[in-house]
Amino acid sequence: MGWQQPPSCFSSSPPAGRHAPTSRPGFRCRASWSSSFCYSLRPRSSWCWARSGSSRGGCDTIAALAAAVEARDENTRGHNLRVAELAVKIGRAMELPNDTLRTLARAGLLHDVGKIGIPDSILSKPGPLDPQEWVVIKRHPELGQAILSRVDRLRREAEIVIAHHERLDGSGYPRGLRGDQIPLEARILAVADTYDVLVSDRPYRKAFDKERGFRILREECGTHLWEPAVRALFRSLGENWDDKPATQTLAA
């Protein structure tokens, strides 16, 4: 089944004087920034896909969890939404079915939800992590799975989230999966996540320019990243594959 237009969204701005409502106690976007984030999701195509086919309660759960992740790590604010957008673009370029696009959107928005359980001292560290800190940060995919698997409608997304740092050659984490052992959606998410990390400022380095980002993606094809998804990302962003030869300098 080819791609179709995403479903219509809610209004892009909240009613005057009101914060974004949610229907579940304990999942309310109370802080003004979180409220703004909940509403900022609504006109975005990834959010249209994420909410389509879900009940109002399901939409509220997804939006609240996504807002919690954004509020948790100010250094990567906007990253989850951008990853969701890129993952959907890749899926569309690969002509994946609508159900898969919905799953990609939800998994993209929530792929770092496990970072809720990671200490600030590690998330915001301005330099490289030491070996013990790496052990802690590498827990976030499993923490994310543990959180999402408690929500029945997000169990598929939970299995994608735990695998989004796996790599084709088995060098990823947390389970060292290889090749087709990694869910297709997780292979796509890995490409979207890697690209956004490369071209965004991080606490430990400035953003690479897009040209360098594309070249690094090509370098990692086949060993770490799934080439069909990388090629689809290039197409979706209007880039010519042959114009971006691989670089020998990989990102830290």
C-alpha atoms as a PDB file:
ATOM      1  CA  MET A   1       0.000   0.000   0.000  1.00  0.00           C
ATOM      2  CA  GLY A   2       1.425   3.408  -0.970  1.00  0.00           C
ATOM      3  CA  TRP A   3       1.485   6.547   1.093  1.00  0.00           C
ATOM      4  CA  GLN A   4      -1.669   8.622   1.538  1.00  0.00           C
ATOM      5  CA  GLN A   5      -2.202  12.117   2.899  1.00  0.00           C
ATOM      6  CA  PRO A   6      -1.965  12.231   6.698  1.00  0.00           C
ATOM      7  CA  PRO A   7      -5.200  12.625   8.637  1.00  0.00           C
ATOM      8  CA  SER A   8      -6.356  16.108   9.583  1.00  0.00           C
ATOM      9  CA  CYS A   9      -5.045  17.567  12.851  1.00  0.00           C
ATOM     10  CA  PHE A  10      -6.339  19.626  15.704  1.00  0.00           C
ATOM     11  CA  SER A  11      -6.062  23.403  15.642  1.00  0.00           C
ATOM     12  CA  SER A  12      -2.477  24.590  15.851  1.00  0.00           C
ATOM     13  CA  SER A  13      -3.076  27.029  18.701  1.00  0.00           C
ATOM     14  CA  PRO A  14      -4.867  26.683  22.068  1.00  0.00           C
ATOM     15  CA  PRO A  15      -7.964  28.648  23.013  1.00  0.00           C
ATOM     16  CA  ALA A  16      -7.114  32.036  24.522  1.00  0.00           C
ATOM     17  CA  GLY A  17      -6.197  31.850  28.187  1.00  0.00           C
ATOM     18  CA  ARG A  18      -6.139  28.069  28.318  1.00  0.00           C
ATOM     19  CA  HIS A  19      -3.456  25.427  28.481  1.00  0.00           C
ATOM     20  CA  ALA A  20      -3.492  22.252  26.429  1.00  0.00           C
ATOM     21  CA  PRO A  21      -6.011  19.874  28.030  1.00  0.00           C
ATOM     22  CA  THR A  22      -5.576  16.156  28.488  1.00  0.00           C
ATOM     23  CA  SER A  23      -8.165  13.727  29.733  1.00  0.00           C
ATOM     24  CA  ARG A  24      -6.105  11.559  32.079  1.00  0.00           C
ATOM     25  CA  PRO A  25      -5.167  12.569  35.609  1.00  0.00           C
ATOM     26  CA  GLY A  26      -1.427  12.263  36.015  1.00  0.00           C
ATOM     27  CA  PHE A  27      -0.806  12.948  32.328  1.00  0.00           C
ATOM     28  CA  ARG A  28      -1.680  16.654  32.239  1.00  0.00           C
ATOM     29  CA  CYS A  29       0.551  19.205  30.528  1.00  0.00           C
ATOM     30  CA  ARG A  30       0.515  21.614  33.459  1.00  0.00           C
ATOM     31  CA  ALA A  31       3.698  23.622  32.846  1.00  0.00           C
ATOM     32  CA  SER A  32       3.295  26.440  30.331  1.00  0.00           C
ATOM     33  CA  TRP A  33       6.170  25.125  28.198  1.00  0.00           C
ATOM     34  CA  SER A  34       4.743  21.599  28.192  1.00  0.00           C
ATOM     35  CA  SER A  35       1.346  22.997  27.215  1.00  0.00           C
ATOM     36  CA  SER A  36       2.906  24.843  24.308  1.00  0.00           C
ATOM     37  CA  PHE A  37       4.708  21.678  23.244  1.00  0.00           C
ATOM     38  CA  CYS A  38       1.484  19.652  23.268  1.00  0.00           C
ATOM     39  CA  TYR A  39      -0.095  22.191  20.920  1.00  0.00           C
ATOM     40  CA  SER A  40       3.033  22.526  18.784  1.00  0.00           C
ATOM     41  CA  LEU A  41       2.676  18.843  17.901  1.00  0.00           C
ATOM     42  CA  ARG A  42      -0.731  19.232  16.373  1.00  0.00           C
ATOM     43  CA  PRO A  43      -0.018  20.911  13.020  1.00  0.00           C
ATOM     44  CA  ARG A  44       3.004  18.676  12.332  1.00  0.00           C
ATOM     45  CA  SER A  45       2.574  15.798   9.898  1.00  0.00           C
ATOM     46  CA  SER A  46       4.302  13.343  12.250  1.00  0.00           C
ATOM     47  CA  TRP A  47       1.755  14.155  14.953  1.00  0.00           C
ATOM     48  CA  CYS A  48      -1.084  13.712  12.459  1.00  0.00           C
ATOM     49  CA  TRP A  49       0.213  10.218  11.796  1.00  0.00           C
ATOM     50  CA  ALA A  50       0.896   9.487  15.462  1.00  0.00           C
ATOM     51  CA  ARG A  51      -2.624  10.377  16.558  1.00  0.00           C
ATOM     52  CA  SER A  52      -4.495   8.815  13.635  1.00  0.00           C
ATOM     53  CA  GLY A  53      -6.260   5.636  14.616  1.00  0.00           C
ATOM     54  CA  SER A  54      -5.913   6.417  18.324  1.00  0.00           C
ATOM     55  CA  SER A  55      -8.556   7.338  20.848  1.00  0.00           C
ATOM     56  CA  ARG A  56      -8.457  10.764  22.486  1.00  0.00           C
ATOM     57  CA  GLY A  57      -6.984   9.116  25.573  1.00  0.00           C
ATOM     58  CA  GLY A  58      -4.303   7.468  23.474  1.00  0.00           C
ATOM     59  CA  CYS A  59      -3.403  10.802  21.866  1.00  0.00           C
ATOM     60  CA  ASP A  60      -3.177  12.413  25.286  1.00  0.00           C
ATOM     61  CA  THR A  61      -0.849   9.675  26.528  1.00  0.00           C
ATOM     62  CA  ILE A  62       1.469  10.030  23.524  1.00  0.00           C
ATOM     63  CA  ALA A  63       1.521  13.842  23.735  1.00  0.00           C
ATOM     64  CA  ALA A  64       2.130  13.868  27.481  1.00  0.00           C
ATOM     65  CA  LEU A  65       4.960  11.336  27.303  1.00  0.00           C
ATOM     66  CA  ALA A  66       6.560  13.258  24.432  1.00  0.00           C
ATOM     67  CA  ALA A  67       6.260  16.522  26.369  1.00  0.00           C
ATOM     68  CA  ALA A  68       7.828  14.895  29.429  1.00  0.00           C
ATOM     69  CA  VAL A  69      10.860  13.820  27.394  1.00  0.00           C
ATOM     70  CA  GLU A  70      11.247  17.292  25.878  1.00  0.00           C
ATOM     71  CA  ALA A  71      11.056  18.944  29.291  1.00  0.00           C
ATOM     72  CA  ARG A  72      13.524  16.451  30.755  1.00  0.00           C
ATOM     73  CA  ASP A  73      16.469  17.353  28.513  1.00  0.00           C
ATOM     74  CA  GLU A  74      16.596  20.987  27.416  1.00  0.00           C
ATOM     75  CA  ASN A  75      19.818  20.385  25.483  1.00  0.00           C
ATOM     76  CA  THR A  76      18.015  18.249  22.907  1.00  0.00           C
ATOM     77  CA  ARG A  77      14.682  20.067  22.852  1.00  0.00           C
ATOM     78  CA  GLY A  78      12.923  19.486  19.539  1.00  0.00           C
ATOM     79  CA  HIS A  79      15.004  16.394  18.742  1.00  0.00           C
ATOM     80  CA  ASN A  80      12.184  13.877  19.196  1.00  0.00           C
ATOM     81  CA  LEU A  81       9.782  15.774  16.955  1.00  0.00           C
ATOM     82  CA  ARG A  82      12.438  16.170  14.270  1.00  0.00           C
ATOM     83  CA  VAL A  83      13.273  12.457  14.426  1.00  0.00           C
ATOM     84  CA  ALA A  84       9.587  11.600  14.056  1.00  0.00           C
ATOM     85  CA  GLU A  85       9.313  13.926  11.048  1.00  0.00           C
ATOM     86  CA  LEU A  86      12.406  12.408   9.419  1.00  0.00           C
ATOM     87  CA  ALA A  87      11.265   8.838  10.100  1.00  0.00           C
ATOM     88  CA  VAL A  88       7.911   9.528   8.442  1.00  0.00           C
ATOM     89  CA  LYS A  89       9.688  11.134   5.467  1.00  0.00           C
ATOM     90  CA  ILE A  90      11.842   8.021   5.100  1.00  0.00           C
ATOM     91  CA  GLY A  91       8.797   5.770   5.349  1.00  0.00           C
ATOM     92  CA  ARG A  92       6.955   7.775   2.711  1.00  0.00           C
ATOM     93  CA  ALA A  93       9.974   7.674   0.382  1.00  0.00           C
ATOM     94  CA  MET A  94      10.042   3.883   0.824  1.00  0.00           C
ATOM     95  CA  GLU A  95       6.280   3.726   0.111  1.00  0.00           C
ATOM     96  CA  LEU A  96       5.566   1.947   3.373  1.00  0.00           C
ATOM     97  CA  PRO A  97       1.929   1.363   4.390  1.00  0.00           C
ATOM     98  CA  ASN A  98       0.034   3.862   6.503  1.00  0.00           C
ATOM     99  CA  ASP A  99       0.057   1.655   9.594  1.00  0.00           C
ATOM    100  CA  THR A 100       3.858   1.648   9.488  1.00  0.00           C
ATOM    101  CA  LEU A 101       3.953   5.441   9.098  1.00  0.00           C
ATOM    102  CA  ARG A 102       1.778   5.759  12.202  1.00  0.00           C
ATOM    103  CA  THR A 103       4.089   3.463  14.128  1.00  0.00           C
ATOM    104  CA  LEU A 104       7.168   5.386  12.951  1.00  0.00           C
ATOM    105  CA  ALA A 105       5.644   8.682  14.049  1.00  0.00           C
ATOM    106  CA  ARG A 106       4.804   7.398  17.522  1.00  0.00           C
ATOM    107  CA  ALA A 107       8.133   5.638  17.986  1.00  0.00           C
ATOM    108  CA  GLY A 108       9.992   8.729  16.781  1.00  0.00           C
ATOM    109  CA  LEU A 109       8.235  11.000  19.246  1.00  0.00           C
ATOM    110  CA  LEU A 110       8.906   8.567  22.090  1.00  0.00           C
ATOM    111  CA  HIS A 111      12.254   6.989  21.181  1.00  0.00           C
ATOM    112  CA  ASP A 112      14.116   8.730  24.018  1.00  0.00           C
ATOM    113  CA  VAL A 113      11.405   8.404  26.666  1.00  0.00           C
ATOM    114  CA  GLY A 114      13.788   6.239  28.717  1.00  0.00           C
ATOM    115  CA  LYS A 115      15.984   9.295  29.301  1.00  0.00           C
ATOM    116  CA  ILE A 116      13.437  10.329  31.900  1.00  0.00           C
ATOM    117  CA  GLY A 117      15.324   7.886  34.148  1.00  0.00           C
ATOM    118  CA  ILE A 118      18.846   9.184  33.344  1.00  0.00           C
ATOM    119  CA  PRO A 119      20.488  11.686  35.756  1.00  0.00           C
ATOM    120  CA  ASP A 120      20.882  15.321  34.674  1.00  0.00           C
ATOM    121  CA  SER A 121      24.611  15.118  35.339  1.00  0.00           C
ATOM    122  CA  ILE A 122      24.910  12.659  32.455  1.00  0.00           C
ATOM    123  CA  LEU A 123      22.333  14.106  30.050  1.00  0.00           C
ATOM    124  CA  SER A 124      23.800  17.606  30.300  1.00  0.00           C
ATOM    125  CA  LYS A 125      27.485  16.770  30.634  1.00  0.00           C
ATOM    126  CA  PRO A 126      29.428  19.220  28.417  1.00  0.00           C
ATOM    127  CA  GLY A 127      32.171  16.707  27.554  1.00  0.00           C
ATOM    128  CA  PRO A 128      32.554  13.036  26.634  1.00  0.00           C
ATOM    129  CA  LEU A 129      31.030  10.463  28.966  1.00  0.00           C
ATOM    130  CA  ASP A 130      33.306   8.205  30.978  1.00  0.00           C
ATOM    131  CA  PRO A 131      32.857   4.399  30.811  1.00  0.00           C
ATOM    132  CA  GLN A 132      30.575   4.251  33.866  1.00  0.00           C
ATOM    133  CA  GLU A 133      28.394   7.056  32.499  1.00  0.00           C
ATOM    134  CA  TRP A 134      28.116   5.222  29.183  1.00  0.00           C
ATOM    135  CA  VAL A 135      26.804   2.185  31.036  1.00  0.00           C
ATOM    136  CA  VAL A 136      24.060   4.390  32.500  1.00  0.00           C
ATOM    137  CA  ILE A 137      23.122   6.179  29.263  1.00  0.00           C
ATOM    138  CA  LYS A 138      22.911   2.864  27.426  1.00  0.00           C
ATOM    139  CA  ARG A 139      20.059   1.863  29.721  1.00  0.00           C
ATOM    140  CA  HIS A 140      17.659   4.359  28.179  1.00  0.00           C
ATOM    141  CA  PRO A 141      16.336   2.078  25.398  1.00  0.00           C
ATOM    142  CA  GLU A 142      15.427  -0.580  27.974  1.00  0.00           C
ATOM    143  CA  LEU A 143      13.911   2.028  30.282  1.00  0.00           C
ATOM    144  CA  GLY A 144      11.901   3.319  27.332  1.00  0.00           C
ATOM    145  CA  GLN A 145      10.614  -0.142  26.539  1.00  0.00           C
ATOM    146  CA  ALA A 146       9.646  -0.654  30.175  1.00  0.00           C
ATOM    147  CA  ILE A 147       7.641   2.585  30.157  1.00  0.00           C
ATOM    148  CA  LEU A 148       5.878   2.079  26.818  1.00  0.00           C
ATOM    149  CA  SER A 149       5.133  -1.623  27.270  1.00  0.00           C
ATOM    150  CA  ARG A 150       2.804  -0.689  30.133  1.00  0.00           C
ATOM    151  CA  VAL A 151       0.544   1.024  27.591  1.00  0.00           C
ATOM    152  CA  ASP A 152      -1.252  -1.645  25.543  1.00  0.00           C
ATOM    153  CA  ARG A 153      -1.534   0.476  22.395  1.00  0.00           C
ATOM    154  CA  LEU A 154       2.203   1.272  22.445  1.00  0.00           C
ATOM    155  CA  ARG A 155       3.636  -2.235  22.752  1.00  0.00           C
ATOM    156  CA  ARG A 156       4.825  -2.315  19.135  1.00  0.00           C
ATOM    157  CA  GLU A 157       6.484   1.068  19.630  1.00  0.00           C
ATOM    158  CA  ALA A 158       8.125  -0.288  22.791  1.00  0.00           C
ATOM    159  CA  GLU A 159       9.889  -2.985  20.739  1.00  0.00           C
ATOM    160  CA  ILE A 160      11.110  -0.358  18.277  1.00  0.00           C
ATOM    161  CA  VAL A 161      12.327   1.991  21.000  1.00  0.00           C
ATOM    162  CA  ILE A 162      14.458  -0.693  22.652  1.00  0.00           C
ATOM    163  CA  ALA A 163      16.120  -1.408  19.284  1.00  0.00           C
ATOM    164  CA  HIS A 164      16.792   2.110  17.959  1.00  0.00           C
ATOM    165  CA  HIS A 165      20.471   2.006  19.021  1.00  0.00           C
ATOM    166  CA  GLU A 166      21.107  -1.448  17.555  1.00  0.00           C
ATOM    167  CA  ARG A 167      23.450  -1.526  14.547  1.00  0.00           C
ATOM    168  CA  LEU A 168      23.574  -3.841  11.535  1.00  0.00           C
ATOM    169  CA  ASP A 169      26.973  -5.310  12.467  1.00  0.00           C
ATOM    170  CA  GLY A 170      25.886  -6.146  16.018  1.00  0.00           C
ATOM    171  CA  SER A 171      27.893  -3.333  17.618  1.00  0.00           C
ATOM    172  CA  GLY A 172      24.840  -1.519  18.962  1.00  0.00           C
ATOM    173  CA  TYR A 173      23.000  -1.803  22.258  1.00  0.00           C
ATOM    174  CA  PRO A 174      21.354  -3.047  24.421  1.00  0.00           C
ATOM    175  CA  ARG A 175      21.049  -6.544  22.890  1.00  0.00           C
ATOM    176  CA  GLY A 176      23.648  -6.573  20.115  1.00  0.00           C
ATOM    177  CA  LEU A 177      21.094  -7.429  17.408  1.00  0.00           C
ATOM    178  CA  ARG A 178      22.284  -7.810  13.814  1.00  0.00           C
ATOM    179  CA  GLY A 179      20.777  -7.171  10.394  1.00  0.00           C
ATOM    180  CA  ASP A 180      17.198  -8.379  10.045  1.00  0.00           C
ATOM    181  CA  GLN A 181      17.041  -9.147  13.769  1.00  0.00           C
ATOM    182  CA  ILE A 182      16.484  -5.393  14.138  1.00  0.00           C
ATOM    183  CA  PRO A 183      12.856  -4.375  13.439  1.00  0.00           C
ATOM    184  CA  LEU A 184      12.466  -2.493  10.156  1.00  0.00           C
ATOM    185  CA  GLU A 185      11.048   0.551  11.935  1.00  0.00           C
ATOM    186  CA  ALA A 186      14.011   0.608  14.325  1.00  0.00           C
ATOM    187  CA  ARG A 187      16.421   0.538  11.380  1.00  0.00           C
ATOM    188  CA  ILE A 188      14.620   3.558   9.934  1.00  0.00           C
ATOM    189  CA  LEU A 189      14.557   5.312  13.302  1.00  0.00           C
ATOM    190  CA  ALA A 190      18.309   4.783  13.680  1.00  0.00           C
ATOM    191  CA  VAL A 191      18.917   6.678  10.429  1.00  0.00           C
ATOM    192  CA  ALA A 192      16.594   9.542  11.390  1.00  0.00           C
ATOM    193  CA  ASP A 193      18.082   9.759  14.889  1.00  0.00           C
ATOM    194  CA  THR A 194      21.685   9.649  13.664  1.00  0.00           C
ATOM    195  CA  TYR A 195      21.136  12.365  11.070  1.00  0.00           C
ATOM    196  CA  ASP A 196      19.446  14.736  13.508  1.00  0.00           C
ATOM    197  CA  VAL A 197      22.183  14.192  16.108  1.00  0.00           C
ATOM    198  CA  LEU A 198      24.846  14.967  13.499  1.00  0.00           C
ATOM    199  CA  VAL A 199      23.310  18.257  12.335  1.00  0.00           C
ATOM    200  CA  SER A 200      22.223  19.526  15.782  1.00  0.00           C
ATOM    201  CA  ASP A 201      24.164  21.157  18.601  1.00  0.00           C
ATOM    202  CA  ARG A 202      24.939  18.769  21.464  1.00  0.00           C
ATOM    203  CA  PRO A 203      26.328  19.528  24.943  1.00  0.00           C
ATOM    204  CA  TYR A 204      29.710  18.107  23.894  1.00  0.00           C
ATOM    205  CA  ARG A 205      30.041  19.584  20.342  1.00  0.00           C
ATOM    206  CA  LYS A 206      28.585  21.990  17.800  1.00  0.00           C
ATOM    207  CA  ALA A 207      26.399  20.775  14.948  1.00  0.00           C
ATOM    208  CA  PHE A 208      28.024  19.450  11.789  1.00  0.00           C
ATOM    209  CA  ASP A 209      26.922  21.065   8.542  1.00  0.00           C
ATOM    210  CA  LYS A 210      24.466  19.069   6.440  1.00  0.00           C
ATOM    211  CA  GLU A 211      27.059  18.126   3.834  1.00  0.00           C
ATOM    212  CA  ARG A 212      29.232  16.472   6.463  1.00  0.00           C
ATOM    213  CA  GLY A 213      26.178  14.834   7.993  1.00  0.00           C
ATOM    214  CA  PHE A 214      25.221  13.228   4.682  1.00  0.00           C
ATOM    215  CA  ARG A 215      28.761  11.997   4.074  1.00  0.00           C
ATOM    216  CA  ILE A 216      28.933  10.412   7.525  1.00  0.00           C
ATOM    217  CA  LEU A 217      25.625   8.623   6.898  1.00  0.00           C
ATOM    218  CA  ARG A 218      27.079   7.142   3.722  1.00  0.00           C
ATOM    219  CA  GLU A 219      30.178   6.004   5.618  1.00  0.00           C
ATOM    220  CA  GLU A 220      28.028   4.123   8.122  1.00  0.00           C
ATOM    221  CA  CYS A 221      25.859   2.365   5.528  1.00  0.00           C
ATOM    222  CA  GLY A 222      26.055  -1.403   5.657  1.00  0.00           C
ATOM    223  CA  THR A 223      27.966  -1.600   8.927  1.00  0.00           C
ATOM    224  CA  HIS A 224      25.864   0.515  11.273  1.00  0.00           C
ATOM    225  CA  LEU A 225      22.998   1.943   9.224  1.00  0.00           C
ATOM    226  CA  TRP A 226      20.539   0.372   6.773  1.00  0.00           C
ATOM    227  CA  GLU A 227      21.332   1.641   3.277  1.00  0.00           C
ATOM    228  CA  PRO A 228      17.735   1.567   1.913  1.00  0.00           C
ATOM    229  CA  ALA A 229      16.672   3.923   4.722  1.00  0.00           C
ATOM    230  CA  VAL A 230      19.669   6.221   4.187  1.00  0.00           C
ATOM    231  CA  ARG A 231      18.932   6.394   0.453  1.00  0.00           C
ATOM    232  CA  ALA A 232      15.270   7.126   1.250  1.00  0.00           C
ATOM    233  CA  LEU A 233      16.322   9.956   3.571  1.00  0.00           C
ATOM    234  CA  PHE A 234      18.456  11.450   0.797  1.00  0.00           C
ATOM    235  CA  ARG A 235      15.512  11.285  -1.628  1.00  0.00           C
ATOM    236  CA  SER A 236      13.093  12.790   0.872  1.00  0.00           C
ATOM    237  CA  LEU A 237      15.439  15.736   1.502  1.00  0.00           C
ATOM    238  CA  GLY A 238      16.158  16.273  -2.198  1.00  0.00           C
ATOM    239  CA  GLU A 239      19.788  15.150  -1.977  1.00  0.00           C
ATOM    240  CA  ASN A 240      21.674  13.284  -4.700  1.00  0.00           C
ATOM    241  CA  TRP A 241      23.263  10.083  -3.384  1.00  0.00           C
ATOM    242  CA  ASP A 242      26.109  10.222  -5.912  1.00  0.00           C
ATOM    243  CA  ASP A 243      27.032  13.765  -4.850  1.00  0.00           C
ATOM    244  CA  LYS A 244      27.751  12.678  -1.265  1.00  0.00           C
ATOM    245  CA  PRO A 245      30.728  10.292  -1.212  1.00  0.00           C
ATOM    246  CA  ALA A 246      31.519   8.839   2.191  1.00  0.00           C
ATOM    247  CA  THR A 247      33.898  10.643   4.510  1.00  0.00           C
ATOM    248  CA  GLN A 248      36.532   8.828   6.528  1.00  0.00           C
ATOM    249  CA  THR A 249      35.870  11.004   9.601  1.00  0.00           C
ATOM    250  CA  LEU A 250      33.030   9.662  11.714  1.00  0.00           C
ATOM    251  CA  ALA A 251      31.154  11.570  14.396  1.00  0.00           C
ATOM    252  CA  ALA A 252      31.826  10.927  18.056  1.00  0.00           C
END
